[in-house]
Amino acid sequence: MAIAAMGVGVFTSHFTIPHCAAASAAFFFSGLSAIASAKVLKKPLSLIGIVLGAMTLAALGLYSAGIITSGSLTSNIAYDSSFYLGLGPGGMEHMVVYPALMWLAWFSGHLASKPEK
């Protein structure tokens, strides 16, 4: 996830294909990381990671379907799609990122608050 996130910064939006590939990988692996964090947490805290990871992956699926069906995949213009749930392409991208960032902030805070062994 972190390597892909660095790729998003290295390949700015002027480099369309590498930027989109790195962003997709970062979004996908952030959702998987949130779900995988349930293995190291006790219930009910593990459910937070599962829910936020599932939200990220579901929103990524809708966002990807919207890009493919709207024709934005082969264009520099972000066209609207019904898969964006009325939020537009930018709003749907935020729905992908926000649960992942909430999980990242919550999980890192949780790990930082654990006492050293």
C-alpha atoms as a PDB file:
ATOM      1  CA  MET A   1       0.000   0.000   0.000  1.00  0.00           C
ATOM      2  CA  ALA A   2       2.743   2.444   0.956  1.00  0.00           C
ATOM      3  CA  ILE A   3       4.830   1.789  -2.148  1.00  0.00           C
ATOM      4  CA  ALA A   4       1.793   2.326  -4.372  1.00  0.00           C
ATOM      5  CA  ALA A   5       0.958   5.541  -2.503  1.00  0.00           C
ATOM      6  CA  MET A   6       4.490   6.780  -3.173  1.00  0.00           C
ATOM      7  CA  GLY A   7       3.940   5.953  -6.845  1.00  0.00           C
ATOM      8  CA  VAL A   8       0.912   8.254  -6.871  1.00  0.00           C
ATOM      9  CA  GLY A   9       3.151  11.112  -5.780  1.00  0.00           C
ATOM     10  CA  VAL A  10       6.007  10.247  -8.103  1.00  0.00           C
ATOM     11  CA  PHE A  11       3.759   9.893 -11.140  1.00  0.00           C
ATOM     12  CA  THR A  12       1.606  13.000 -11.094  1.00  0.00           C
ATOM     13  CA  SER A  13      -1.647  13.180 -13.022  1.00  0.00           C
ATOM     14  CA  HIS A  14       0.306  14.247 -16.128  1.00  0.00           C
ATOM     15  CA  PHE A  15       1.489  10.619 -16.345  1.00  0.00           C
ATOM     16  CA  THR A  16      -2.004   9.208 -16.661  1.00  0.00           C
ATOM     17  CA  ILE A  17      -1.415   5.455 -16.903  1.00  0.00           C
ATOM     18  CA  PRO A  18       1.263   5.067 -14.182  1.00  0.00           C
ATOM     19  CA  HIS A  19      -0.627   7.468 -11.887  1.00  0.00           C
ATOM     20  CA  CYS A  20      -3.906   5.583 -12.276  1.00  0.00           C
ATOM     21  CA  ALA A  21      -2.205   2.206 -11.844  1.00  0.00           C
ATOM     22  CA  ALA A  22      -0.437   3.333  -8.672  1.00  0.00           C
ATOM     23  CA  ALA A  23      -3.619   4.921  -7.287  1.00  0.00           C
ATOM     24  CA  SER A  24      -5.648   1.789  -7.992  1.00  0.00           C
ATOM     25  CA  ALA A  25      -3.043  -0.377  -6.274  1.00  0.00           C
ATOM     26  CA  ALA A  26      -2.889   1.979  -3.277  1.00  0.00           C
ATOM     27  CA  PHE A  27      -6.684   1.997  -2.927  1.00  0.00           C
ATOM     28  CA  PHE A  28      -6.977  -1.776  -3.339  1.00  0.00           C
ATOM     29  CA  PHE A  29      -4.221  -2.650  -0.885  1.00  0.00           C
ATOM     30  CA  SER A  30      -5.420  -0.094   1.668  1.00  0.00           C
ATOM     31  CA  GLY A  31      -8.786  -1.864   1.721  1.00  0.00           C
ATOM     32  CA  LEU A  32      -7.098  -5.252   2.034  1.00  0.00           C
ATOM     33  CA  SER A  33      -4.822  -3.940   4.799  1.00  0.00           C
ATOM     34  CA  ALA A  34      -7.807  -2.680   6.762  1.00  0.00           C
ATOM     35  CA  ILE A  35      -9.492  -6.069   6.509  1.00  0.00           C
ATOM     36  CA  ALA A  36      -6.263  -7.921   7.357  1.00  0.00           C
ATOM     37  CA  SER A  37      -5.799  -5.807  10.504  1.00  0.00           C
ATOM     38  CA  ALA A  38      -8.679  -7.788  12.021  1.00  0.00           C
ATOM     39  CA  LYS A  39      -6.207 -10.646  12.517  1.00  0.00           C
ATOM     40  CA  VAL A  40      -4.180  -8.655  15.065  1.00  0.00           C
ATOM     41  CA  LEU A  41      -7.079  -6.964  16.869  1.00  0.00           C
ATOM     42  CA  LYS A  42      -9.618  -8.265  19.333  1.00  0.00           C
ATOM     43  CA  LYS A  43     -13.353  -7.925  18.800  1.00  0.00           C
ATOM     44  CA  PRO A  44     -15.119  -5.478  18.571  1.00  0.00           C
ATOM     45  CA  LEU A  45     -12.123  -3.440  17.341  1.00  0.00           C
ATOM     46  CA  SER A  46     -11.440  -5.915  14.544  1.00  0.00           C
ATOM     47  CA  LEU A  47     -14.863  -5.165  13.082  1.00  0.00           C
ATOM     48  CA  ILE A  48     -13.879  -1.537  12.494  1.00  0.00           C
ATOM     49  CA  GLY A  49     -11.099  -2.600  10.114  1.00  0.00           C
ATOM     50  CA  ILE A  50     -13.364  -5.033   8.311  1.00  0.00           C
ATOM     51  CA  VAL A  51     -16.134  -2.466   7.820  1.00  0.00           C
ATOM     52  CA  LEU A  52     -13.811   0.331   6.663  1.00  0.00           C
ATOM     53  CA  GLY A  53     -11.880  -2.020   4.362  1.00  0.00           C
ATOM     54  CA  ALA A  54     -15.103  -3.332   2.837  1.00  0.00           C
ATOM     55  CA  MET A  55     -16.325   0.240   2.313  1.00  0.00           C
ATOM     56  CA  THR A  56     -13.079   1.115   0.534  1.00  0.00           C
ATOM     57  CA  LEU A  57     -13.191  -1.936  -1.726  1.00  0.00           C
ATOM     58  CA  ALA A  58     -16.896  -1.493  -2.536  1.00  0.00           C
ATOM     59  CA  ALA A  59     -16.399   2.179  -3.393  1.00  0.00           C
ATOM     60  CA  LEU A  60     -13.348   1.266  -5.486  1.00  0.00           C
ATOM     61  CA  GLY A  61     -15.455  -1.257  -7.394  1.00  0.00           C
ATOM     62  CA  LEU A  62     -18.150   1.335  -8.090  1.00  0.00           C
ATOM     63  CA  TYR A  63     -15.557   3.959  -9.027  1.00  0.00           C
ATOM     64  CA  SER A  64     -13.805   1.546 -11.417  1.00  0.00           C
ATOM     65  CA  ALA A  65     -17.113   0.499 -12.994  1.00  0.00           C
ATOM     66  CA  GLY A  66     -17.991   4.157 -13.457  1.00  0.00           C
ATOM     67  CA  ILE A  67     -14.701   4.913 -15.168  1.00  0.00           C
ATOM     68  CA  ILE A  68     -15.067   1.953 -17.519  1.00  0.00           C
ATOM     69  CA  THR A  69     -18.730   2.506 -18.435  1.00  0.00           C
ATOM     70  CA  SER A  70     -18.551   6.280 -18.820  1.00  0.00           C
ATOM     71  CA  GLY A  71     -15.688   6.260 -21.311  1.00  0.00           C
ATOM     72  CA  SER A  72     -13.339   8.084 -18.948  1.00  0.00           C
ATOM     73  CA  LEU A  73     -10.821   5.267 -19.269  1.00  0.00           C
ATOM     74  CA  THR A  74      -9.865   6.359 -22.774  1.00  0.00           C
ATOM     75  CA  SER A  75     -10.273  10.106 -22.216  1.00  0.00           C
ATOM     76  CA  ASN A  76      -8.710  12.856 -20.140  1.00  0.00           C
ATOM     77  CA  ILE A  77     -12.202  14.049 -19.224  1.00  0.00           C
ATOM     78  CA  ALA A  78     -13.993  12.482 -16.236  1.00  0.00           C
ATOM     79  CA  TYR A  79     -17.515  11.763 -17.434  1.00  0.00           C
ATOM     80  CA  ASP A  80     -20.395  11.171 -15.027  1.00  0.00           C
ATOM     81  CA  SER A  81     -21.789   7.678 -14.500  1.00  0.00           C
ATOM     82  CA  SER A  82     -24.680   6.154 -12.585  1.00  0.00           C
ATOM     83  CA  PHE A  83     -22.107   4.080 -10.688  1.00  0.00           C
ATOM     84  CA  TYR A  84     -20.962   7.275  -8.949  1.00  0.00           C
ATOM     85  CA  LEU A  85     -24.252   7.348  -6.976  1.00  0.00           C
ATOM     86  CA  GLY A  86     -24.848  11.003  -7.828  1.00  0.00           C
ATOM     87  CA  LEU A  87     -21.522  12.107  -6.335  1.00  0.00           C
ATOM     88  CA  GLY A  88     -19.646  12.578  -9.594  1.00  0.00           C
ATOM     89  CA  PRO A  89     -16.203  11.131 -10.247  1.00  0.00           C
ATOM     90  CA  GLY A  90     -14.440  13.292  -7.667  1.00  0.00           C
ATOM     91  CA  GLY A  91     -16.989  12.571  -4.965  1.00  0.00           C
ATOM     92  CA  MET A  92     -16.797   8.857  -5.612  1.00  0.00           C
ATOM     93  CA  GLU A  93     -13.016   8.950  -5.425  1.00  0.00           C
ATOM     94  CA  HIS A  94     -13.362  10.579  -2.016  1.00  0.00           C
ATOM     95  CA  MET A  95     -15.642   7.718  -0.966  1.00  0.00           C
ATOM     96  CA  VAL A  96     -12.792   5.355  -1.842  1.00  0.00           C
ATOM     97  CA  VAL A  97     -10.132   7.315   0.047  1.00  0.00           C
ATOM     98  CA  TYR A  98     -11.916   8.453   3.217  1.00  0.00           C
ATOM     99  CA  PRO A  99     -12.635   5.049   4.811  1.00  0.00           C
ATOM    100  CA  ALA A 100      -9.037   3.985   4.122  1.00  0.00           C
ATOM    101  CA  LEU A 101      -7.661   7.166   5.703  1.00  0.00           C
ATOM    102  CA  MET A 102      -9.976   6.802   8.708  1.00  0.00           C
ATOM    103  CA  TRP A 103      -8.744   3.249   9.205  1.00  0.00           C
ATOM    104  CA  LEU A 104      -5.108   4.296   8.792  1.00  0.00           C
ATOM    105  CA  ALA A 105      -5.412   7.071  11.380  1.00  0.00           C
ATOM    106  CA  TRP A 106      -7.361   4.874  13.798  1.00  0.00           C
ATOM    107  CA  PHE A 107      -5.120   1.810  13.457  1.00  0.00           C
ATOM    108  CA  SER A 108      -1.852   3.761  13.734  1.00  0.00           C
ATOM    109  CA  GLY A 109      -3.196   5.551  16.817  1.00  0.00           C
ATOM    110  CA  HIS A 110      -4.220   2.218  18.297  1.00  0.00           C
ATOM    111  CA  LEU A 111      -0.759   0.751  17.705  1.00  0.00           C
ATOM    112  CA  ALA A 112       0.979   3.838  19.093  1.00  0.00           C
ATOM    113  CA  SER A 113      -1.065   3.668  22.297  1.00  0.00           C
ATOM    114  CA  LYS A 114      -0.013   0.093  23.080  1.00  0.00           C
ATOM    115  CA  PRO A 115       2.602  -0.199  25.802  1.00  0.00           C
ATOM    116  CA  GLU A 116       6.040  -1.538  24.851  1.00  0.00           C
ATOM    117  CA  LYS A 117       6.862  -5.103  25.823  1.00  0.00           C
END
